Protein backbone atom coordinates (compact mmCIF):
# COMPACT_ATOMS: atom_id res chain seq x y z
CA MET A 1 39.77 36.93 37.89
CA GLN A 2 38.87 34.78 34.88
CA ILE A 3 40.02 37.48 32.45
CA ASN A 4 43.36 37.83 34.25
CA THR A 5 43.86 34.07 34.21
CA MET A 6 43.07 33.91 30.51
CA LEU A 7 45.44 36.74 29.69
CA LYS A 8 48.28 34.92 31.40
CA THR A 9 47.79 32.01 29.01
CA ILE A 10 47.72 34.08 25.83
CA PRO A 11 50.95 33.52 23.88
CA ALA A 12 53.37 36.41 23.44
CA LEU A 13 52.36 36.55 19.80
CA LEU A 14 48.76 37.44 20.65
CA LEU A 15 49.74 39.65 23.57
CA GLY A 16 51.86 41.71 21.19
CA ALA A 17 48.83 42.22 18.98
CA THR A 18 46.71 43.12 22.01
CA LEU A 19 49.19 45.77 23.06
CA SER A 20 49.14 47.29 19.59
CA HIS A 21 45.64 48.62 20.19
CA GLY A 22 43.71 47.12 17.30
CA VAL A 23 46.56 46.36 14.98
CA MET A 24 44.34 44.59 12.45
CA ALA A 25 42.59 47.83 11.53
CA ALA A 26 45.71 49.98 11.54
CA ASP A 27 47.03 51.93 8.59
CA ILE A 28 50.76 51.69 9.38
CA LYS A 29 52.21 48.76 11.34
CA LEU A 30 55.56 49.23 13.07
CA GLY A 31 57.26 46.36 14.89
CA VAL A 32 58.73 46.81 18.36
CA ALA A 33 61.06 44.00 19.47
CA GLU A 34 62.26 44.64 23.01
CA ALA A 35 63.31 42.75 26.13
CA LEU A 36 60.15 42.92 28.24
CA THR A 37 61.16 40.04 30.52
CA GLY A 38 64.52 38.83 31.80
CA PRO A 39 67.49 40.87 33.05
CA ALA A 40 67.38 43.38 30.17
CA ALA A 41 63.75 44.27 30.93
CA LYS A 42 65.05 47.16 33.04
CA TYR A 43 65.82 48.78 29.69
CA GLY A 44 63.19 47.14 27.47
CA VAL A 45 60.09 48.10 29.46
CA ALA A 46 61.13 51.76 29.54
CA ILE A 47 61.76 51.57 25.78
CA LYS A 48 58.30 50.09 25.16
CA ASN A 49 56.78 52.86 27.30
CA GLY A 50 58.59 55.54 25.28
CA PHE A 51 57.27 54.10 22.02
CA THR A 52 53.74 53.73 23.37
CA LEU A 53 53.60 57.32 24.63
CA ALA A 54 54.92 58.80 21.38
CA ALA A 55 52.59 56.69 19.20
CA GLU A 56 49.57 57.79 21.24
CA GLU A 57 50.62 61.43 20.89
CA VAL A 58 51.12 61.14 17.13
CA ASN A 59 47.79 59.37 16.69
CA ALA A 60 45.96 61.91 18.87
CA LYS A 61 47.11 64.58 16.42
CA GLY A 62 45.73 62.69 13.42
CA GLY A 63 48.57 60.26 12.78
CA VAL A 64 50.86 60.61 9.77
CA ASN A 65 49.27 61.86 6.55
CA GLY A 66 45.94 60.76 7.97
CA SER A 67 47.10 57.23 8.82
CA LYS A 68 47.32 55.98 12.39
CA LEU A 69 50.44 54.23 13.68
CA ALA A 70 50.01 50.78 15.25
CA LEU A 71 52.78 49.18 17.29
CA VAL A 72 53.12 45.40 17.11
CA ILE A 73 54.99 44.78 20.36
CA GLU A 74 56.93 41.57 20.99
CA ASP A 75 59.13 40.35 23.86
CA GLU A 76 62.57 39.25 22.65
CA GLN A 77 63.65 38.56 26.28
CA GLY A 78 67.14 40.00 25.77
CA LYS A 79 68.15 36.74 24.07
CA LYS A 80 69.75 36.43 20.63
CA GLU A 81 67.61 33.44 19.62
CA GLU A 82 64.39 35.18 20.65
CA ALA A 83 65.40 38.38 18.86
CA ILE A 84 65.84 36.35 15.65
CA ASN A 85 62.44 34.68 16.10
CA VAL A 86 60.67 37.95 16.87
CA PHE A 87 62.25 39.75 13.91
CA LYS A 88 61.13 36.92 11.61
CA LYS A 89 57.59 37.07 12.99
CA LEU A 90 57.32 40.85 12.68
CA ILE A 91 58.82 40.97 9.18
CA PHE A 92 57.33 37.91 7.51
CA GLN A 93 54.14 37.19 9.45
CA ASP A 94 52.96 40.60 10.69
CA LYS A 95 54.43 42.32 7.62
CA VAL A 96 55.36 45.47 9.51
CA LEU A 97 56.75 48.45 7.63
CA ALA A 98 59.85 48.71 9.86
CA VAL A 99 61.16 47.20 13.11
CA PHE A 100 62.40 48.97 16.24
CA GLY A 101 64.85 47.13 18.49
CA PRO A 102 66.16 44.84 19.77
CA THR A 103 67.21 46.07 23.23
CA LEU A 104 70.79 44.76 23.54
CA SER A 105 73.65 45.07 21.06
CA ASN A 106 74.24 41.30 21.40
CA SER A 107 70.73 40.69 20.10
CA ALA A 108 71.08 43.29 17.35
CA PHE A 109 74.14 41.54 15.94
CA ALA A 110 72.02 38.38 15.70
CA ALA A 111 68.73 39.86 14.40
CA ASP A 112 69.66 42.88 12.26
CA PRO A 113 71.10 40.74 9.43
CA ILE A 114 67.61 39.24 8.99
CA ALA A 115 66.12 42.69 8.54
CA ASN A 116 68.84 43.70 6.08
CA ALA A 117 68.36 40.51 4.06
CA ALA A 118 64.60 41.18 3.94
CA LYS A 119 65.24 44.86 3.11
CA VAL A 120 63.36 46.13 6.17
CA VAL A 121 64.61 48.99 8.38
CA ALA A 122 65.89 47.81 11.77
CA PHE A 123 65.95 50.92 14.00
CA GLY A 124 67.91 50.53 17.23
CA THR A 125 67.26 52.91 20.10
CA SER A 126 69.58 51.33 22.68
CA ASN A 127 72.35 49.66 20.63
CA THR A 128 75.62 51.55 21.13
CA ALA A 129 78.26 48.93 20.35
CA ASP A 130 80.70 49.53 17.52
CA GLY A 131 79.76 47.80 14.27
CA ILE A 132 75.97 47.78 14.63
CA THR A 133 75.30 49.95 11.58
CA ALA A 134 78.04 48.21 9.58
CA MET A 135 75.67 45.26 9.13
CA GLY A 136 73.85 46.84 6.22
CA PRO A 137 72.01 49.83 4.73
CA PHE A 138 68.73 49.05 6.52
CA THR A 139 70.23 49.42 10.03
CA PHE A 140 69.66 52.76 11.75
CA ARG A 141 70.11 53.90 15.32
CA ASN A 142 69.44 57.03 17.33
CA SER A 143 71.38 55.68 20.32
CA VAL A 144 74.65 57.60 20.53
CA MET A 145 77.68 55.35 20.16
CA GLU A 146 79.97 54.72 23.11
CA ALA A 147 82.78 55.86 20.81
CA ASP A 148 81.20 59.34 20.83
CA VAL A 149 80.20 59.43 24.50
CA LEU A 150 83.03 57.85 26.49
CA PRO A 151 85.93 60.16 25.48
CA VAL A 152 83.85 63.15 26.60
CA THR A 153 82.95 61.39 29.86
CA VAL A 154 86.55 60.40 30.68
CA LYS A 155 87.84 63.91 29.97
CA ALA A 156 85.20 65.41 32.28
CA ALA A 157 85.97 62.86 35.01
CA VAL A 158 89.72 63.52 34.87
CA LYS A 159 89.11 67.23 35.27
CA HIS A 160 86.45 66.91 37.98
CA PHE A 161 88.29 64.37 40.18
CA ASP A 162 91.90 65.24 39.22
CA ILE A 163 92.45 61.66 38.10
CA LYS A 164 96.01 60.46 37.47
CA LYS A 165 95.47 56.68 37.16
CA VAL A 166 92.48 54.32 36.88
CA ALA A 167 91.54 50.67 37.17
CA VAL A 168 89.19 49.04 34.66
CA ILE A 169 86.52 46.36 35.10
CA TYR A 170 84.24 45.11 32.34
CA GLY A 171 81.98 42.29 31.17
CA ASN A 172 83.93 40.30 28.59
CA ASP A 173 81.07 38.21 27.13
CA ASP A 174 78.59 40.91 26.10
CA ALA A 175 78.84 42.94 22.88
CA PHE A 176 77.90 46.21 24.60
CA THR A 177 80.25 45.95 27.59
CA LYS A 178 83.11 44.55 25.49
CA SER A 179 82.72 47.33 22.91
CA GLY A 180 82.59 49.89 25.74
CA TYR A 181 85.80 48.44 27.17
CA ASP A 182 87.53 48.73 23.79
CA VAL A 183 86.52 52.40 23.59
CA PHE A 184 87.59 53.07 27.20
CA LYS A 185 90.97 51.38 26.55
CA ALA A 186 91.62 53.51 23.45
CA THR A 187 90.41 56.66 25.20
CA LEU A 188 92.65 56.15 28.22
CA GLU A 189 95.62 55.63 25.91
CA GLN A 190 94.77 58.74 23.87
CA GLN A 191 94.33 60.85 27.01
CA LYS A 192 97.54 59.35 28.49
CA ILE A 193 95.92 58.02 31.67
CA PRO A 194 97.73 54.97 33.10
CA THR A 195 95.75 51.84 34.01
CA THR A 196 96.71 50.08 37.27
CA THR A 197 94.88 46.85 36.40
CA THR A 198 92.20 45.55 34.05
CA GLU A 199 89.74 42.99 35.40
CA ALA A 200 86.95 41.11 33.62
CA TYR A 201 83.84 39.19 34.67
CA ALA A 202 81.22 37.05 32.95
CA LYS A 203 77.48 37.65 32.57
CA GLY A 204 75.63 36.45 35.64
CA ASP A 205 78.55 36.86 38.06
CA VAL A 206 77.54 38.23 41.47
CA ASP A 207 80.77 37.97 43.47
CA PHE A 208 83.45 40.43 42.32
CA LYS A 209 85.68 40.30 45.41
CA ALA A 210 88.66 38.70 43.63
CA GLN A 211 88.71 41.38 40.90
CA LEU A 212 88.10 44.23 43.36
CA THR A 213 90.86 43.05 45.72
CA LYS A 214 93.33 43.32 42.83
CA ILE A 215 91.96 46.75 41.94
CA LYS A 216 92.30 47.90 45.55
CA ALA A 217 95.96 46.85 45.61
CA GLY A 218 96.69 49.24 42.72
CA ASN A 219 95.14 52.21 44.57
CA PRO A 220 93.62 53.89 41.48
CA ASP A 221 92.05 57.37 41.59
CA ALA A 222 88.89 56.07 39.87
CA ILE A 223 87.38 52.86 38.54
CA VAL A 224 86.25 52.63 34.91
CA CYS A 225 83.28 50.26 34.64
CA SER A 226 82.00 49.04 31.26
CA CYS A 227 79.00 47.26 32.72
CA LEU A 228 75.25 46.95 32.65
CA ALA A 229 73.38 48.59 35.51
CA GLU A 230 72.71 45.62 37.78
CA GLU A 231 76.28 44.31 37.65
CA ALA A 232 77.67 47.84 38.10
CA ALA A 233 75.50 48.38 41.19
CA ASN A 234 76.76 45.17 42.80
CA ILE A 235 80.36 46.05 41.92
CA ILE A 236 79.92 49.48 43.52
CA LEU A 237 78.45 47.98 46.72
CA GLN A 238 81.23 45.41 47.01
CA THR A 239 83.84 48.10 46.37
CA ARG A 240 82.47 50.16 49.28
CA ALA A 241 82.41 47.02 51.49
CA LEU A 242 86.15 46.72 50.88
CA GLY A 243 86.63 50.29 52.16
CA MET A 244 87.26 51.76 48.70
CA LYS A 245 85.86 55.22 48.03
CA GLN A 246 86.96 55.81 44.43
CA PRO A 247 84.44 57.30 41.99
CA PHE A 248 83.20 55.19 39.09
CA ILE A 249 83.18 56.16 35.40
CA GLY A 250 80.74 54.36 33.11
CA GLY A 251 78.79 54.37 29.88
CA ASN A 252 75.07 54.60 29.28
CA GLY A 253 74.50 51.06 30.58
CA LEU A 254 74.66 52.66 34.03
CA ASN A 255 71.87 55.10 33.14
CA SER A 256 69.05 53.12 34.72
CA PRO A 257 67.04 53.50 37.96
CA LYS A 258 68.19 49.91 38.67
CA LEU A 259 71.64 51.26 39.56
CA PHE A 260 70.24 53.23 42.49
CA GLU A 261 67.64 50.63 43.49
CA ILE A 262 70.55 48.33 44.30
CA ALA A 263 73.50 50.64 45.11
CA LYS A 264 71.51 53.51 46.62
CA ASP A 265 73.79 56.34 47.81
CA ALA A 266 76.88 54.12 47.39
CA GLY A 267 76.65 55.07 43.71
CA ASP A 268 77.24 58.76 44.45
CA ASN A 269 80.05 60.35 42.40
CA THR A 270 79.57 57.92 39.52
CA LEU A 271 80.09 59.75 36.22
CA MET A 272 78.13 58.66 33.15
CA GLY A 273 77.77 60.04 29.65
CA SER A 274 74.43 60.08 27.85
CA PRO A 275 72.58 62.08 25.20
CA TRP A 276 69.70 62.65 27.66
CA SER A 277 69.23 64.23 31.07
CA SER A 278 66.09 64.90 33.08
CA GLU A 279 67.66 68.26 33.90
CA ASN A 280 67.80 69.32 30.27
CA LEU A 281 64.86 71.72 30.55
CA THR A 282 63.94 72.22 26.89
CA PRO A 283 60.20 72.53 26.19
CA VAL A 284 60.15 69.15 24.38
CA ASN A 285 61.93 67.33 27.21
CA LYS A 286 59.81 68.94 29.92
CA ALA A 287 56.64 67.92 28.06
CA PHE A 288 57.97 64.38 27.57
CA ILE A 289 58.86 63.95 31.25
CA ALA A 290 55.48 65.28 32.41
CA ALA A 291 53.54 63.09 29.95
CA TYR A 292 55.56 59.99 30.86
CA LYS A 293 55.01 60.50 34.60
CA ALA A 294 51.29 61.07 34.04
CA LYS A 295 50.90 57.90 31.97
CA PHE A 296 53.22 55.46 33.73
CA GLY A 297 53.51 56.85 37.27
CA SER A 298 57.31 56.82 37.23
CA ASP A 299 60.21 58.90 36.00
CA PRO A 300 61.50 58.23 32.46
CA ASP A 301 65.09 57.32 31.75
CA GLN A 302 67.43 57.69 28.79
CA PHE A 303 66.06 54.56 27.13
CA ALA A 304 62.45 55.76 27.29
CA ALA A 305 63.55 59.14 25.90
CA GLN A 306 65.44 57.60 22.98
CA ALA A 307 62.50 55.35 22.07
CA TYR A 308 60.14 58.33 22.28
CA ASP A 309 62.37 60.31 19.94
CA ALA A 310 62.79 57.34 17.57
CA LEU A 311 59.03 57.12 17.03
CA TYR A 312 58.92 60.82 16.20
CA ILE A 313 61.89 60.40 13.84
CA MET A 314 60.03 57.59 12.07
CA ALA A 315 56.82 59.67 11.94
CA GLU A 316 58.76 62.55 10.39
CA ALA A 317 60.23 60.23 7.76
CA LEU A 318 56.80 58.76 6.99
CA LYS A 319 55.46 62.24 6.21
CA ASN A 320 57.67 62.11 3.12
CA VAL A 321 56.68 58.58 2.11
CA LYS A 322 53.71 58.01 -0.15
CA LEU A 323 52.64 54.51 0.83
CA SER A 324 51.79 52.51 -2.30
CA GLY A 325 50.52 49.28 -0.78
CA ASN A 326 53.50 47.45 -2.29
CA LEU A 327 55.24 46.40 0.94
CA ALA A 328 58.72 45.92 -0.55
CA ASN A 329 58.64 49.35 -2.20
CA ASP A 330 57.22 51.02 0.91
CA ARG A 331 59.87 49.46 3.15
CA ASP A 332 62.60 50.75 0.85
CA ALA A 333 60.96 54.18 0.75
CA VAL A 334 61.25 54.35 4.56
CA ARG A 335 64.97 53.54 4.30
CA LYS A 336 65.42 56.36 1.79
CA ALA A 337 63.41 58.89 3.84
CA LEU A 338 65.06 58.40 7.24
CA PRO A 339 68.59 59.79 6.65
CA SER A 340 67.43 63.37 6.03
CA VAL A 341 65.26 63.60 9.16
CA LYS A 342 66.21 66.25 11.71
CA ILE A 343 64.17 66.80 14.86
CA GLU A 344 64.32 68.55 18.23
CA GLY A 345 63.39 65.74 20.60
CA ALA A 346 63.49 64.87 24.27
CA THR A 347 67.20 64.11 23.84
CA GLY A 348 67.82 67.44 22.09
CA LYS A 349 68.72 68.19 18.49
CA PHE A 350 69.01 65.03 16.44
CA ALA A 351 70.27 64.12 12.97
CA PHE A 352 71.68 60.99 11.32
CA ARG A 353 75.16 60.59 9.89
CA PRO A 354 76.28 57.82 7.54
CA ALA A 355 78.24 55.03 9.17
CA PRO A 356 81.69 54.45 7.63
CA ALA A 357 81.46 52.49 4.38
CA VAL A 358 82.29 48.77 4.44
CA ALA A 359 84.28 47.48 1.46
CA GLY A 360 83.33 50.63 -0.41
CA LYS A 361 79.60 50.07 0.11
CA GLN A 362 77.16 52.33 1.95
CA VAL A 363 75.87 50.75 5.15
CA GLY A 364 73.62 52.13 7.89
CA PHE A 365 73.23 55.40 9.76
CA ASP A 366 74.37 56.45 13.24
CA ALA A 367 73.20 59.20 15.58
CA ASP A 368 74.88 62.57 15.19
CA GLN A 369 74.30 63.96 18.67
CA GLU A 370 76.30 65.44 21.55
CA ALA A 371 76.85 63.71 24.88
CA ILE A 372 75.84 65.11 28.27
CA VAL A 373 77.96 64.17 31.29
CA ASN A 374 76.02 63.34 34.46
CA ILE A 375 77.11 62.67 38.04
CA ALA A 376 75.27 60.60 40.64
CA LYS A 377 74.15 62.58 43.68
CA GLY A 378 71.62 61.44 46.29
CA GLY A 379 70.55 58.37 44.36
CA LYS A 380 70.05 59.97 40.95
CA PHE A 381 72.03 61.37 38.02
CA VAL A 382 72.29 65.14 37.72
CA LEU A 383 74.18 67.31 35.24
CA LEU A 384 77.88 67.64 35.97
CA LYS A 385 78.59 71.33 36.41
């Protein structure tokens, strides 16, 4: 009991070091800034688990060029201010070689400029909003952009449900959901699908009856939802309570067990695009799923898979980096090594592609990966066939 009580009083700073399994003696320190508490923890904890599993596997095989990887894990709480503080701690105090995270695109827009100014790689595994990698040449992500995923998802939904018109609902005060809405809007226009109504809500809203009543009046064939999982689940439940049976179309924010914990079978027939599926039975993915279940006692999700792959991408890059002990030079060497990495991971074949130049200057790198369209059946997502 005394140990548990003491642990509860240890600051997050020390807890991060504890979780890194002896970080002081480690050869290569990598920062992990994720939302481990707060509403975004439904993504952040899975991400942390993916990193932890991959790091243990790499280290069990001898590490990278004989050096072990140590994760310095910090809770950025899904808040912009905390993400800034955690990035500063990891970069300037812990002197990590590179930083993974933060969890939400909102937080990335706040924290990534710090990494770019310090010339440290900020590697996002769950940031899909447009403009993330435009912040500078040290920003990388292996999370597939909504701009790549949503057009494929909408096209599949139109074909599967014979959709002629849709309604749209989205969160208008979050970078991820707003960016997703912008992509959905452009996609619907490009695919010539009329919109009956567009409704917005704010973060923290729980009552969507006013918006859904307007949507019901337009009698759409489907409802496009650029939302995070918890809000989407409540929207789905309230839609069904109003007697509406339309399928939902969403982005990877819906790809969380939280959706089904709240909505249960009411979420059936929701279509969602993602680079990862538990039904993608490649040897790497099967091994990842089995190892994750064995270690954490639960099924992995897309966010765990992307973090797992990101650690392996970083390990592959580090194989080509001769660490000199000069931190500034070593950090830049990581930036130079990452773009050429190609792996076959839990999410499938992965490579980077350069983000579009900004004012003629090279910026960061995006994921070059195909989307998989999933449909909700019986309280889980399965491949759309």
